[in-house]
Amino acid sequence: MARILVVDDDSMVIRMIGFILKKSGHECTGASCGAQGIAMLRSEAPDLVLLDVEMPGENGMDVLKKIRDDSDISGAKVCLMSGTVDDELRDKAQKLGSLGFLIKPVAAAELMDILKMAEI
């Protein structure tokens, strides 16, 4: 059983992804903003972070950069999520070390593919 942290300002997204993960035997926790997500990453050390790009205030790219710049958590496995994805966004995500990109609404099969990529 893997522990996955979902960071998204939409609580419905966290619930839906949590439902998929729990059906697959995984544990899911949620954070509603980047700062809360970073704090939970530090305290809970999840196996994977699913991070929304489009959040008010600090967006997911900013949060991922903070994660990568912090030696204590820089090795975290992170996958970005967004409702709109273009090549520029994918390139930035890859440069920051994102495992991949999930397009919202998240499909169960695509989520399972990310878990396999993360070796969970």
PDB file of N, CA and C in Angstrom:
ATOM      1  N   MET A   1       0.837  -1.180   0.000  1.00  0.00           N
ATOM      2  CA  MET A   1       0.000   0.000   0.000  1.00  0.00           C
ATOM      3  C   MET A   1       0.881   1.241   0.000  1.00  0.00           C
ATOM      4  N   ALA A   2       0.634   2.110  -0.956  1.00  0.00           N
ATOM      5  CA  ALA A   2       1.389   3.353  -1.057  1.00  0.00           C
ATOM      6  C   ALA A   2       0.592   4.495  -0.436  1.00  0.00           C
ATOM      7  N   ARG A   3       1.328   5.503   0.012  1.00  0.00           N
ATOM      8  CA  ARG A   3       0.703   6.711   0.536  1.00  0.00           C
ATOM      9  C   ARG A   3       0.870   7.819  -0.496  1.00  0.00           C
ATOM     10  N   ILE A   4      -0.247   8.369  -0.940  1.00  0.00           N
ATOM     11  CA  ILE A   4      -0.230   9.402  -1.965  1.00  0.00           C
ATOM     12  C   ILE A   4      -0.835  10.678  -1.407  1.00  0.00           C
ATOM     13  N   LEU A   5      -0.149  11.790  -1.636  1.00  0.00           N
ATOM     14  CA  LEU A   5      -0.621  13.103  -1.233  1.00  0.00           C
ATOM     15  C   LEU A   5      -1.151  13.823  -2.464  1.00  0.00           C
ATOM     16  N   VAL A   6      -2.397  14.270  -2.417  1.00  0.00           N
ATOM     17  CA  VAL A   6      -2.999  15.025  -3.510  1.00  0.00           C
ATOM     18  C   VAL A   6      -3.095  16.485  -3.070  1.00  0.00           C
ATOM     19  N   VAL A   7      -2.440  17.370  -3.828  1.00  0.00           N
ATOM     20  CA  VAL A   7      -2.462  18.801  -3.521  1.00  0.00           C
ATOM     21  C   VAL A   7      -3.294  19.492  -4.602  1.00  0.00           C
ATOM     22  N   ASP A   8      -4.482  19.955  -4.212  1.00  0.00           N
ATOM     23  CA  ASP A   8      -5.402  20.576  -5.161  1.00  0.00           C
ATOM     24  C   ASP A   8      -6.340  21.492  -4.382  1.00  0.00           C
ATOM     25  N   ASP A   9      -6.641  22.655  -4.936  1.00  0.00           N
ATOM     26  CA  ASP A   9      -7.545  23.583  -4.263  1.00  0.00           C
ATOM     27  C   ASP A   9      -9.014  23.169  -4.388  1.00  0.00           C
ATOM     28  N   ASP A  10      -9.303  22.162  -5.212  1.00  0.00           N
ATOM     29  CA  ASP A  10     -10.664  21.662  -5.399  1.00  0.00           C
ATOM     30  C   ASP A  10     -10.845  20.383  -4.581  1.00  0.00           C
ATOM     31  N   SER A  11     -11.619  20.462  -3.512  1.00  0.00           N
ATOM     32  CA  SER A  11     -11.796  19.303  -2.630  1.00  0.00           C
ATOM     33  C   SER A  11     -12.453  18.124  -3.347  1.00  0.00           C
ATOM     34  N   MET A  12     -13.255  18.393  -4.370  1.00  0.00           N
ATOM     35  CA  MET A  12     -13.895  17.305  -5.124  1.00  0.00           C
ATOM     36  C   MET A  12     -12.842  16.487  -5.876  1.00  0.00           C
ATOM     37  N   VAL A  13     -11.830  17.150  -6.406  1.00  0.00           N
ATOM     38  CA  VAL A  13     -10.750  16.444  -7.102  1.00  0.00           C
ATOM     39  C   VAL A  13     -10.021  15.532  -6.111  1.00  0.00           C
ATOM     40  N   ILE A  14      -9.738  16.042  -4.927  1.00  0.00           N
ATOM     41  CA  ILE A  14      -9.063  15.234  -3.907  1.00  0.00           C
ATOM     42  C   ILE A  14      -9.913  14.013  -3.554  1.00  0.00           C
ATOM     43  N   ARG A  15     -11.212  14.224  -3.392  1.00  0.00           N
ATOM     44  CA  ARG A  15     -12.105  13.100  -3.050  1.00  0.00           C
ATOM     45  C   ARG A  15     -12.160  12.061  -4.163  1.00  0.00           C
ATOM     46  N   MET A  16     -12.267  12.516  -5.411  1.00  0.00           N
ATOM     47  CA  MET A  16     -12.367  11.578  -6.539  1.00  0.00           C
ATOM     48  C   MET A  16     -11.075  10.768  -6.705  1.00  0.00           C
ATOM     49  N   ILE A  17      -9.939  11.427  -6.637  1.00  0.00           N
ATOM     50  CA  ILE A  17      -8.662  10.712  -6.745  1.00  0.00           C
ATOM     51  C   ILE A  17      -8.494   9.786  -5.548  1.00  0.00           C
ATOM     52  N   GLY A  18      -8.880  10.255  -4.375  1.00  0.00           N
ATOM     53  CA  GLY A  18      -8.814   9.419  -3.174  1.00  0.00           C
ATOM     54  C   GLY A  18      -9.655   8.164  -3.317  1.00  0.00           C
ATOM     55  N   PHE A  19     -10.829   8.291  -3.908  1.00  0.00           N
ATOM     56  CA  PHE A  19     -11.705   7.142  -4.129  1.00  0.00           C
ATOM     57  C   PHE A  19     -11.019   6.112  -5.034  1.00  0.00           C
ATOM     58  N   ILE A  20     -10.432   6.581  -6.127  1.00  0.00           N
ATOM     59  CA  ILE A  20      -9.730   5.680  -7.057  1.00  0.00           C
ATOM     60  C   ILE A  20      -8.562   4.991  -6.343  1.00  0.00           C
ATOM     61  N   LEU A  21      -7.796   5.769  -5.608  1.00  0.00           N
ATOM     62  CA  LEU A  21      -6.623   5.209  -4.927  1.00  0.00           C
ATOM     63  C   LEU A  21      -7.023   4.200  -3.859  1.00  0.00           C
ATOM     64  N   LYS A  22      -8.031   4.517  -3.087  1.00  0.00           N
ATOM     65  CA  LYS A  22      -8.464   3.602  -2.025  1.00  0.00           C
ATOM     66  C   LYS A  22      -9.004   2.300  -2.608  1.00  0.00           C
ATOM     67  N   LYS A  23      -9.701   2.385  -3.741  1.00  0.00           N
ATOM     68  CA  LYS A  23     -10.184   1.164  -4.411  1.00  0.00           C
ATOM     69  C   LYS A  23      -9.021   0.295  -4.867  1.00  0.00           C
ATOM     70  N   SER A  24      -7.888   0.920  -5.119  1.00  0.00           N
ATOM     71  CA  SER A  24      -6.690   0.200  -5.574  1.00  0.00           C
ATOM     72  C   SER A  24      -5.800  -0.207  -4.410  1.00  0.00           C
ATOM     73  N   GLY A  25      -6.269   0.031  -3.180  1.00  0.00           N
ATOM     74  CA  GLY A  25      -5.517  -0.397  -2.003  1.00  0.00           C
ATOM     75  C   GLY A  25      -4.487   0.583  -1.500  1.00  0.00           C
ATOM     76  N   HIS A  26      -4.594   1.842  -1.917  1.00  0.00           N
ATOM     77  CA  HIS A  26      -3.623   2.846  -1.493  1.00  0.00           C
ATOM     78  C   HIS A  26      -4.253   3.822  -0.504  1.00  0.00           C
ATOM     79  N   GLU A  27      -3.408   4.508   0.226  1.00  0.00           N
ATOM     80  CA  GLU A  27      -3.836   5.514   1.191  1.00  0.00           C
ATOM     81  C   GLU A  27      -3.692   6.891   0.547  1.00  0.00           C
ATOM     82  N   CYS A  28      -4.671   7.755   0.765  1.00  0.00           N
ATOM     83  CA  CYS A  28      -4.650   9.082   0.150  1.00  0.00           C
ATOM     84  C   CYS A  28      -4.908  10.148   1.204  1.00  0.00           C
ATOM     85  N   THR A  29      -4.090  11.201   1.176  1.00  0.00           N
ATOM     86  CA  THR A  29      -4.333  12.377   1.992  1.00  0.00           C
ATOM     87  C   THR A  29      -4.380  13.579   1.060  1.00  0.00           C
ATOM     88  N   GLY A  30      -4.988  14.651   1.514  1.00  0.00           N
ATOM     89  CA  GLY A  30      -5.133  15.816   0.662  1.00  0.00           C
ATOM     90  C   GLY A  30      -4.657  17.089   1.324  1.00  0.00           C
ATOM     91  N   ALA A  31      -4.228  18.010   0.482  1.00  0.00           N
ATOM     92  CA  ALA A  31      -3.841  19.350   0.913  1.00  0.00           C
ATOM     93  C   ALA A  31      -4.483  20.334  -0.059  1.00  0.00           C
ATOM     94  N   SER A  32      -4.945  21.469   0.472  1.00  0.00           N
ATOM     95  CA  SER A  32      -5.691  22.414  -0.360  1.00  0.00           C
ATOM     96  C   SER A  32      -4.850  23.532  -0.968  1.00  0.00           C
ATOM     97  N   CYS A  33      -3.560  23.597  -0.610  1.00  0.00           N
ATOM     98  CA  CYS A  33      -2.684  24.623  -1.180  1.00  0.00           C
ATOM     99  C   CYS A  33      -1.240  24.128  -1.142  1.00  0.00           C
ATOM    100  N   GLY A  34      -0.389  24.835  -1.853  1.00  0.00           N
ATOM    101  CA  GLY A  34       1.005  24.429  -1.940  1.00  0.00           C
ATOM    102  C   GLY A  34       1.733  24.410  -0.605  1.00  0.00           C
ATOM    103  N   ALA A  35       1.510  25.424   0.223  1.00  0.00           N
ATOM    104  CA  ALA A  35       2.197  25.488   1.519  1.00  0.00           C
ATOM    105  C   ALA A  35       1.795  24.307   2.398  1.00  0.00           C
ATOM    106  N   GLN A  36       0.505  23.990   2.407  1.00  0.00           N
ATOM    107  CA  GLN A  36       0.035  22.844   3.187  1.00  0.00           C
ATOM    108  C   GLN A  36       0.612  21.551   2.613  1.00  0.00           C
ATOM    109  N   GLY A  37       0.681  21.474   1.296  1.00  0.00           N
ATOM    110  CA  GLY A  37       1.244  20.290   0.646  1.00  0.00           C
ATOM    111  C   GLY A  37       2.703  20.071   1.003  1.00  0.00           C
ATOM    112  N   ILE A  38       3.486  21.145   0.998  1.00  0.00           N
ATOM    113  CA  ILE A  38       4.902  21.040   1.361  1.00  0.00           C
ATOM    114  C   ILE A  38       5.040  20.611   2.820  1.00  0.00           C
ATOM    115  N   ALA A  39       4.222  21.181   3.692  1.00  0.00           N
ATOM    116  CA  ALA A  39       4.270  20.807   5.113  1.00  0.00           C
ATOM    117  C   ALA A  39       3.938  19.323   5.291  1.00  0.00           C
ATOM    118  N   MET A  40       2.927  18.846   4.562  1.00  0.00           N
ATOM    119  CA  MET A  40       2.556  17.431   4.669  1.00  0.00           C
ATOM    120  C   MET A  40       3.609  16.529   4.032  1.00  0.00           C
ATOM    121  N   LEU A  41       4.245  16.997   2.980  1.00  0.00           N
ATOM    122  CA  LEU A  41       5.333  16.233   2.362  1.00  0.00           C
ATOM    123  C   LEU A  41       6.458  16.037   3.372  1.00  0.00           C
ATOM    124  N   ARG A  42       6.771  17.073   4.116  1.00  0.00           N
ATOM    125  CA  ARG A  42       7.807  16.990   5.148  1.00  0.00           C
ATOM    126  C   ARG A  42       7.412  16.048   6.289  1.00  0.00           C
ATOM    127  N   SER A  43       6.170  16.173   6.754  1.00  0.00           N
ATOM    128  CA  SER A  43       5.763  15.432   7.955  1.00  0.00           C
ATOM    129  C   SER A  43       5.347  13.985   7.671  1.00  0.00           C
ATOM    130  N   GLU A  44       4.783  13.734   6.495  1.00  0.00           N
ATOM    131  CA  GLU A  44       4.239  12.405   6.220  1.00  0.00           C
ATOM    132  C   GLU A  44       5.062  11.573   5.241  1.00  0.00           C
ATOM    133  N   ALA A  45       5.973  12.206   4.517  1.00  0.00           N
ATOM    134  CA  ALA A  45       6.822  11.518   3.542  1.00  0.00           C
ATOM    135  C   ALA A  45       6.033  10.548   2.668  1.00  0.00           C
ATOM    136  N   PRO A  46       5.068  11.066   1.893  1.00  0.00           N
ATOM    137  CA  PRO A  46       4.282  10.172   1.030  1.00  0.00           C
ATOM    138  C   PRO A  46       5.150   9.564  -0.069  1.00  0.00           C
ATOM    139  N   ASP A  47       4.660   8.471  -0.647  1.00  0.00           N
ATOM    140  CA  ASP A  47       5.379   7.805  -1.729  1.00  0.00           C
ATOM    141  C   ASP A  47       5.272   8.577  -3.044  1.00  0.00           C
ATOM    142  N   LEU A  48       4.217   9.385  -3.160  1.00  0.00           N
ATOM    143  CA  LEU A  48       3.973  10.139  -4.391  1.00  0.00           C
ATOM    144  C   LEU A  48       3.142  11.367  -4.048  1.00  0.00           C
ATOM    145  N   VAL A  49       3.425  12.473  -4.755  1.00  0.00           N
ATOM    146  CA  VAL A  49       2.622  13.690  -4.635  1.00  0.00           C
ATOM    147  C   VAL A  49       1.990  13.963  -5.986  1.00  0.00           C
ATOM    148  N   LEU A  50       0.663  14.127  -5.994  1.00  0.00           N
ATOM    149  CA  LEU A  50      -0.061  14.566  -7.183  1.00  0.00           C
ATOM    150  C   LEU A  50      -0.367  16.040  -6.963  1.00  0.00           C
ATOM    151  N   LEU A  51       0.179  16.893  -7.805  1.00  0.00           N
ATOM    152  CA  LEU A  51       0.196  18.333  -7.575  1.00  0.00           C
ATOM    153  C   LEU A  51      -0.505  19.082  -8.700  1.00  0.00           C
ATOM    154  N   ASP A  52      -1.572  19.796  -8.354  1.00  0.00           N
ATOM    155  CA  ASP A  52      -2.310  20.594  -9.325  1.00  0.00           C
ATOM    156  C   ASP A  52      -1.483  21.798  -9.744  1.00  0.00           C
ATOM    157  N   VAL A  53      -1.509  22.114 -11.035  1.00  0.00           N
ATOM    158  CA  VAL A  53      -0.769  23.267 -11.539  1.00  0.00           C
ATOM    159  C   VAL A  53      -1.541  24.555 -11.275  1.00  0.00           C
ATOM    160  N   GLU A  54      -2.836  24.535 -11.518  1.00  0.00           N
ATOM    161  CA  GLU A  54      -3.633  25.762 -11.486  1.00  0.00           C
ATOM    162  C   GLU A  54      -4.315  25.951 -10.134  1.00  0.00           C
ATOM    163  N   MET A  55      -3.557  26.520  -9.200  1.00  0.00           N
ATOM    164  CA  MET A  55      -4.095  26.836  -7.880  1.00  0.00           C
ATOM    165  C   MET A  55      -3.928  28.331  -7.654  1.00  0.00           C
ATOM    166  N   PRO A  56      -4.835  28.938  -6.879  1.00  0.00           N
ATOM    167  CA  PRO A  56      -4.663  30.361  -6.578  1.00  0.00           C
ATOM    168  C   PRO A  56      -3.420  30.584  -5.720  1.00  0.00           C
ATOM    169  N   GLY A  57      -2.845  31.748  -5.838  1.00  0.00           N
ATOM    170  CA  GLY A  57      -1.613  32.037  -5.092  1.00  0.00           C
ATOM    171  C   GLY A  57      -0.449  31.333  -5.759  1.00  0.00           C
ATOM    172  N   GLU A  58       0.191  30.456  -5.022  1.00  0.00           N
ATOM    173  CA  GLU A  58       1.312  29.684  -5.553  1.00  0.00           C
ATOM    174  C   GLU A  58       0.791  28.574  -6.459  1.00  0.00           C
ATOM    175  N   ASN A  59       1.202  28.597  -7.719  1.00  0.00           N
ATOM    176  CA  ASN A  59       0.748  27.516  -8.601  1.00  0.00           C
ATOM    177  C   ASN A  59       1.640  26.282  -8.435  1.00  0.00           C
ATOM    178  N   GLY A  60       1.239  25.187  -9.041  1.00  0.00           N
ATOM    179  CA  GLY A  60       1.950  23.924  -8.889  1.00  0.00           C
ATOM    180  C   GLY A  60       3.392  23.961  -9.357  1.00  0.00           C
ATOM    181  N   MET A  61       3.671  24.732 -10.394  1.00  0.00           N
ATOM    182  CA  MET A  61       5.054  24.851 -10.877  1.00  0.00           C
ATOM    183  C   MET A  61       5.931  25.506  -9.810  1.00  0.00           C
ATOM    184  N   ASP A  62       5.397  26.553  -9.176  1.00  0.00           N
ATOM    185  CA  ASP A  62       6.145  27.229  -8.104  1.00  0.00           C
ATOM    186  C   ASP A  62       6.407  26.265  -6.949  1.00  0.00           C
ATOM    187  N   VAL A  63       5.380  25.496  -6.602  1.00  0.00           N
ATOM    188  CA  VAL A  63       5.505  24.537  -5.498  1.00  0.00           C
ATOM    189  C   VAL A  63       6.522  23.467  -5.841  1.00  0.00           C
ATOM    190  N   LEU A  64       6.468  22.947  -7.074  1.00  0.00           N
ATOM    191  CA  LEU A  64       7.428  21.911  -7.480  1.00  0.00           C
ATOM    192  C   LEU A  64       8.851  22.468  -7.453  1.00  0.00           C
ATOM    193  N   LYS A  65       9.040  23.705  -7.875  1.00  0.00           N
ATOM    194  CA  LYS A  65      10.376  24.312  -7.825  1.00  0.00           C
ATOM    195  C   LYS A  65      10.858  24.400  -6.375  1.00  0.00           C
ATOM    196  N   LYS A  66       9.972  24.784  -5.448  1.00  0.00           N
ATOM    197  CA  LYS A  66      10.345  24.844  -4.030  1.00  0.00           C
ATOM    198  C   LYS A  66      10.739  23.464  -3.518  1.00  0.00           C
ATOM    199  N   ILE A  67       9.999  22.446  -3.931  1.00  0.00           N
ATOM    200  CA  ILE A  67      10.313  21.071  -3.514  1.00  0.00           C
ATOM    201  C   ILE A  67      11.697  20.685  -4.020  1.00  0.00           C
ATOM    202  N   ARG A  68      11.971  20.949  -5.283  1.00  0.00           N
ATOM    203  CA  ARG A  68      13.257  20.575  -5.880  1.00  0.00           C
ATOM    204  C   ARG A  68      14.426  21.365  -5.292  1.00  0.00           C
ATOM    205  N   ASP A  69      14.160  22.588  -4.822  1.00  0.00           N
ATOM    206  CA  ASP A  69      15.221  23.429  -4.255  1.00  0.00           C
ATOM    207  C   ASP A  69      15.488  23.138  -2.776  1.00  0.00           C
ATOM    208  N   ASP A  70      14.670  22.304  -2.150  1.00  0.00           N
ATOM    209  CA  ASP A  70      14.800  22.002  -0.720  1.00  0.00           C
ATOM    210  C   ASP A  70      15.451  20.628  -0.570  1.00  0.00           C
ATOM    211  N   SER A  71      16.657  20.586  -0.065  1.00  0.00           N
ATOM    212  CA  SER A  71      17.406  19.323  -0.006  1.00  0.00           C
ATOM    213  C   SER A  71      16.713  18.245   0.827  1.00  0.00           C
ATOM    214  N   ASP A  72      15.890  18.629   1.783  1.00  0.00           N
ATOM    215  CA  ASP A  72      15.202  17.640   2.620  1.00  0.00           C
ATOM    216  C   ASP A  72      14.111  16.883   1.873  1.00  0.00           C
ATOM    217  N   ILE A  73      13.511  17.516   0.868  1.00  0.00           N
ATOM    218  CA  ILE A  73      12.384  16.888   0.163  1.00  0.00           C
ATOM    219  C   ILE A  73      12.577  16.848  -1.352  1.00  0.00           C
ATOM    220  N   SER A  74      13.746  17.227  -1.820  1.00  0.00           N
ATOM    221  CA  SER A  74      13.978  17.359  -3.271  1.00  0.00           C
ATOM    222  C   SER A  74      13.820  16.047  -4.041  1.00  0.00           C
ATOM    223  N   GLY A  75      13.966  14.926  -3.357  1.00  0.00           N
ATOM    224  CA  GLY A  75      13.851  13.636  -4.034  1.00  0.00           C
ATOM    225  C   GLY A  75      12.439  13.100  -4.123  1.00  0.00           C
ATOM    226  N   ALA A  76      11.459  13.879  -3.670  1.00  0.00           N
ATOM    227  CA  ALA A  76      10.070  13.416  -3.689  1.00  0.00           C
ATOM    228  C   ALA A  76       9.603  13.133  -5.115  1.00  0.00           C
ATOM    229  N   LYS A  77       8.818  12.074  -5.252  1.00  0.00           N
ATOM    230  CA  LYS A  77       8.202  11.752  -6.543  1.00  0.00           C
ATOM    231  C   LYS A  77       6.953  12.603  -6.679  1.00  0.00           C
ATOM    232  N   VAL A  78       6.925  13.429  -7.746  1.00  0.00           N
ATOM    233  CA  VAL A  78       5.829  14.363  -7.950  1.00  0.00           C
ATOM    234  C   VAL A  78       5.305  14.223  -9.372  1.00  0.00           C
ATOM    235  N   CYS A  79       3.985  14.202  -9.495  1.00  0.00           N
ATOM    236  CA  CYS A  79       3.333  14.215 -10.796  1.00  0.00           C
ATOM    237  C   CYS A  79       2.402  15.419 -10.822  1.00  0.00           C
ATOM    238  N   LEU A  80       2.502  16.223 -11.853  1.00  0.00           N
ATOM    239  CA  LEU A  80       1.653  17.400 -11.972  1.00  0.00           C
ATOM    240  C   LEU A  80       0.315  17.038 -12.617  1.00  0.00           C
ATOM    241  N   MET A  81      -0.701  17.832 -12.293  1.00  0.00           N
ATOM    242  CA  MET A  81      -2.049  17.646 -12.846  1.00  0.00           C
ATOM    243  C   MET A  81      -2.571  18.991 -13.324  1.00  0.00           C
ATOM    244  N   SER A  82      -3.359  18.968 -14.404  1.00  0.00           N
ATOM    245  CA  SER A  82      -3.986  20.195 -14.884  1.00  0.00           C
ATOM    246  C   SER A  82      -5.132  19.849 -15.819  1.00  0.00           C
ATOM    247  N   GLY A  83      -6.078  20.760 -15.905  1.00  0.00           N
ATOM    248  CA  GLY A  83      -7.176  20.596 -16.848  1.00  0.00           C
ATOM    249  C   GLY A  83      -6.771  21.001 -18.251  1.00  0.00           C
ATOM    250  N   THR A  84      -5.730  21.821 -18.355  1.00  0.00           N
ATOM    251  CA  THR A  84      -5.233  22.259 -19.662  1.00  0.00           C
ATOM    252  C   THR A  84      -3.730  22.039 -19.710  1.00  0.00           C
ATOM    253  N   VAL A  85      -3.295  21.316 -20.711  1.00  0.00           N
ATOM    254  CA  VAL A  85      -1.877  20.986 -20.840  1.00  0.00           C
ATOM    255  C   VAL A  85      -1.417  21.315 -22.257  1.00  0.00           C
ATOM    256  N   ASP A  86      -0.293  22.006 -22.348  1.00  0.00           N
ATOM    257  CA  ASP A  86       0.317  22.239 -23.655  1.00  0.00           C
ATOM    258  C   ASP A  86       1.782  21.809 -23.591  1.00  0.00           C
ATOM    259  N   ASP A  87       2.450  21.858 -24.730  1.00  0.00           N
ATOM    260  CA  ASP A  87       3.840  21.389 -24.798  1.00  0.00           C
ATOM    261  C   ASP A  87       4.768  22.198 -23.905  1.00  0.00           C
ATOM    262  N   GLU A  88       4.533  23.509 -23.799  1.00  0.00           N
ATOM    263  CA  GLU A  88       5.381  24.355 -22.955  1.00  0.00           C
ATOM    264  C   GLU A  88       5.261  23.939 -21.488  1.00  0.00           C
ATOM    265  N   LEU A  89       4.053  23.669 -21.053  1.00  0.00           N
ATOM    266  CA  LEU A  89       3.826  23.238 -19.675  1.00  0.00           C
ATOM    267  C   LEU A  89       4.474  21.878 -19.423  1.00  0.00           C
ATOM    268  N   ARG A  90       4.341  20.968 -20.369  1.00  0.00           N
ATOM    269  CA  ARG A  90       4.970  19.649 -20.243  1.00  0.00           C
ATOM    270  C   ARG A  90       6.486  19.774 -20.162  1.00  0.00           C
ATOM    271  N   ASP A  91       7.058  20.649 -20.975  1.00  0.00           N
ATOM    272  CA  ASP A  91       8.514  20.856 -20.966  1.00  0.00           C
ATOM    273  C   ASP A  91       8.983  21.398 -19.617  1.00  0.00           C
ATOM    274  N   LYS A  92       8.277  22.392 -19.085  1.00  0.00           N
ATOM    275  CA  LYS A  92       8.636  22.954 -17.783  1.00  0.00           C
ATOM    276  C   LYS A  92       8.545  21.888 -16.694  1.00  0.00           C
ATOM    277  N   ALA A  93       7.478  21.100 -16.760  1.00  0.00           N
ATOM    278  CA  ALA A  93       7.286  20.043 -15.764  1.00  0.00           C
ATOM    279  C   ALA A  93       8.421  19.031 -15.817  1.00  0.00           C
ATOM    280  N   GLN A  94       8.803  18.652 -17.019  1.00  0.00           N
ATOM    281  CA  GLN A  94       9.879  17.674 -17.190  1.00  0.00           C
ATOM    282  C   GLN A  94      11.205  18.237 -16.661  1.00  0.00           C
ATOM    283  N   LYS A  95      11.480  19.508 -16.941  1.00  0.00           N
ATOM    284  CA  LYS A  95      12.713  20.133 -16.472  1.00  0.00           C
ATOM    285  C   LYS A  95      12.773  20.189 -14.950  1.00  0.00           C
ATOM    286  N   LEU A  96      11.609  20.291 -14.306  1.00  0.00           N
ATOM    287  CA  LEU A  96      11.559  20.325 -12.848  1.00  0.00           C
ATOM    288  C   LEU A  96      11.476  18.923 -12.242  1.00  0.00           C
ATOM    289  N   GLY A  97      11.514  17.906 -13.079  1.00  0.00           N
ATOM    290  CA  GLY A  97      11.558  16.546 -12.579  1.00  0.00           C
ATOM    291  C   GLY A  97      10.216  15.933 -12.252  1.00  0.00           C
ATOM    292  N   SER A  98       9.162  16.385 -12.919  1.00  0.00           N
ATOM    293  CA  SER A  98       7.851  15.768 -12.722  1.00  0.00           C
ATOM    294  C   SER A  98       7.850  14.384 -13.372  1.00  0.00           C
ATOM    295  N   LEU A  99       7.217  13.418 -12.697  1.00  0.00           N
ATOM    296  CA  LEU A  99       7.118  12.059 -13.252  1.00  0.00           C
ATOM    297  C   LEU A  99       6.301  12.027 -14.523  1.00  0.00           C
ATOM    298  N   GLY A 100       5.384  12.942 -14.636  1.00  0.00           N
ATOM    299  CA  GLY A 100       4.491  12.969 -15.779  1.00  0.00           C
ATOM    300  C   GLY A 100       3.451  14.048 -15.583  1.00  0.00           C
ATOM    301  N   PHE A 101       2.371  13.915 -16.352  1.00  0.00           N
ATOM    302  CA  PHE A 101       1.311  14.901 -16.293  1.00  0.00           C
ATOM    303  C   PHE A 101      -0.017  14.192 -16.376  1.00  0.00           C
ATOM    304  N   LEU A 102      -0.867  14.401 -15.401  1.00  0.00           N
ATOM    305  CA  LEU A 102      -2.223  13.868 -15.431  1.00  0.00           C
ATOM    306  C   LEU A 102      -3.160  14.975 -15.883  1.00  0.00           C
ATOM    307  N   ILE A 103      -4.020  14.649 -16.830  1.00  0.00           N
ATOM    308  CA  ILE A 103      -5.002  15.609 -17.303  1.00  0.00           C
ATOM    309  C   ILE A 103      -6.281  15.413 -16.503  1.00  0.00           C
ATOM    310  N   LYS A 104      -6.806  16.513 -15.950  1.00  0.00           N
ATOM    311  CA  LYS A 104      -8.036  16.453 -15.156  1.00  0.00           C
ATOM    312  C   LYS A 104      -9.236  16.629 -16.073  1.00  0.00           C
ATOM    313  N   PRO A 105     -10.325  15.939 -15.839  1.00  0.00           N
ATOM    314  CA  PRO A 105     -10.518  14.999 -14.738  1.00  0.00           C
ATOM    315  C   PRO A 105      -9.649  13.761 -14.919  1.00  0.00           C
ATOM    316  N   VAL A 106      -9.102  13.293 -13.812  1.00  0.00           N
ATOM    317  CA  VAL A 106      -8.143  12.192 -13.831  1.00  0.00           C
ATOM    318  C   VAL A 106      -8.858  10.869 -14.069  1.00  0.00           C
ATOM    319  N   ALA A 107      -8.376  10.140 -15.078  1.00  0.00           N
ATOM    320  CA  ALA A 107      -8.909   8.807 -15.380  1.00  0.00           C
ATOM    321  C   ALA A 107      -8.151   7.770 -14.555  1.00  0.00           C
ATOM    322  N   ALA A 108      -8.870   6.776 -14.077  1.00  0.00           N
ATOM    323  CA  ALA A 108      -8.270   5.742 -13.228  1.00  0.00           C
ATOM    324  C   ALA A 108      -7.097   5.054 -13.928  1.00  0.00           C
ATOM    325  N   ALA A 109      -7.238   4.736 -15.200  1.00  0.00           N
ATOM    326  CA  ALA A 109      -6.171   4.035 -15.930  1.00  0.00           C
ATOM    327  C   ALA A 109      -4.907   4.886 -16.007  1.00  0.00           C
ATOM    328  N   GLU A 110      -5.059   6.179 -16.252  1.00  0.00           N
ATOM    329  CA  GLU A 110      -3.894   7.064 -16.327  1.00  0.00           C
ATOM    330  C   GLU A 110      -3.237   7.200 -14.955  1.00  0.00           C
ATOM    331  N   LEU A 111      -4.043   7.248 -13.916  1.00  0.00           N
ATOM    332  CA  LEU A 111      -3.509   7.322 -12.563  1.00  0.00           C
ATOM    333  C   LEU A 111      -2.705   6.065 -12.237  1.00  0.00           C
ATOM    334  N   MET A 112      -3.214   4.906 -12.623  1.00  0.00           N
ATOM    335  CA  MET A 112      -2.499   3.648 -12.386  1.00  0.00           C
ATOM    336  C   MET A 112      -1.184   3.620 -13.165  1.00  0.00           C
ATOM    337  N   ASP A 113      -1.176   4.211 -14.374  1.00  0.00           N
ATOM    338  CA  ASP A 113       0.067   4.300 -15.148  1.00  0.00           C
ATOM    339  C   ASP A 113       1.118   5.137 -14.415  1.00  0.00           C
ATOM    340  N   ILE A 114       0.686   6.228 -13.777  1.00  0.00           N
ATOM    341  CA  ILE A 114       1.619   7.072 -13.024  1.00  0.00           C
ATOM    342  C   ILE A 114       2.157   6.291 -11.816  1.00  0.00           C
ATOM    343  N   LEU A 115       1.290   5.525 -11.152  1.00  0.00           N
ATOM    344  CA  LEU A 115       1.745   4.726 -10.023  1.00  0.00           C
ATOM    345  C   LEU A 115       2.805   3.715 -10.476  1.00  0.00           C
ATOM    346  N   LYS A 116       2.608   3.127 -11.650  1.00  0.00           N
ATOM    347  CA  LYS A 116       3.614   2.185 -12.181  1.00  0.00           C
ATOM    348  C   LYS A 116       4.917   2.904 -12.483  1.00  0.00           C
ATOM    349  N   MET A 117       4.827   4.111 -13.076  1.00  0.00           N
ATOM    350  CA  MET A 117       6.040   4.882 -13.360  1.00  0.00           C
ATOM    351  C   MET A 117       6.783   5.226 -12.081  1.00  0.00           C
ATOM    352  N   ALA A 118       6.023   5.473 -11.013  1.00  0.00           N
ATOM    353  CA  ALA A 118       6.622   5.812  -9.722  1.00  0.00           C
ATOM    354  C   ALA A 118       7.085   4.559  -8.965  1.00  0.00           C
ATOM    355  N   GLU A 119       6.857   3.399  -9.575  1.00  0.00           N
ATOM    356  CA  GLU A 119       7.232   2.109  -9.003  1.00  0.00           C
ATOM    357  C   GLU A 119       6.539   1.883  -7.665  1.00  0.00           C
ATOM    358  N   ILE A 120       5.241   2.177  -7.662  1.00  0.00           N
ATOM    359  CA  ILE A 120       4.415   1.989  -6.467  1.00  0.00           C
ATOM    360  C   ILE A 120       3.531   0.769  -6.683  1.00  0.00           C
TER     361      ILE A 120
END
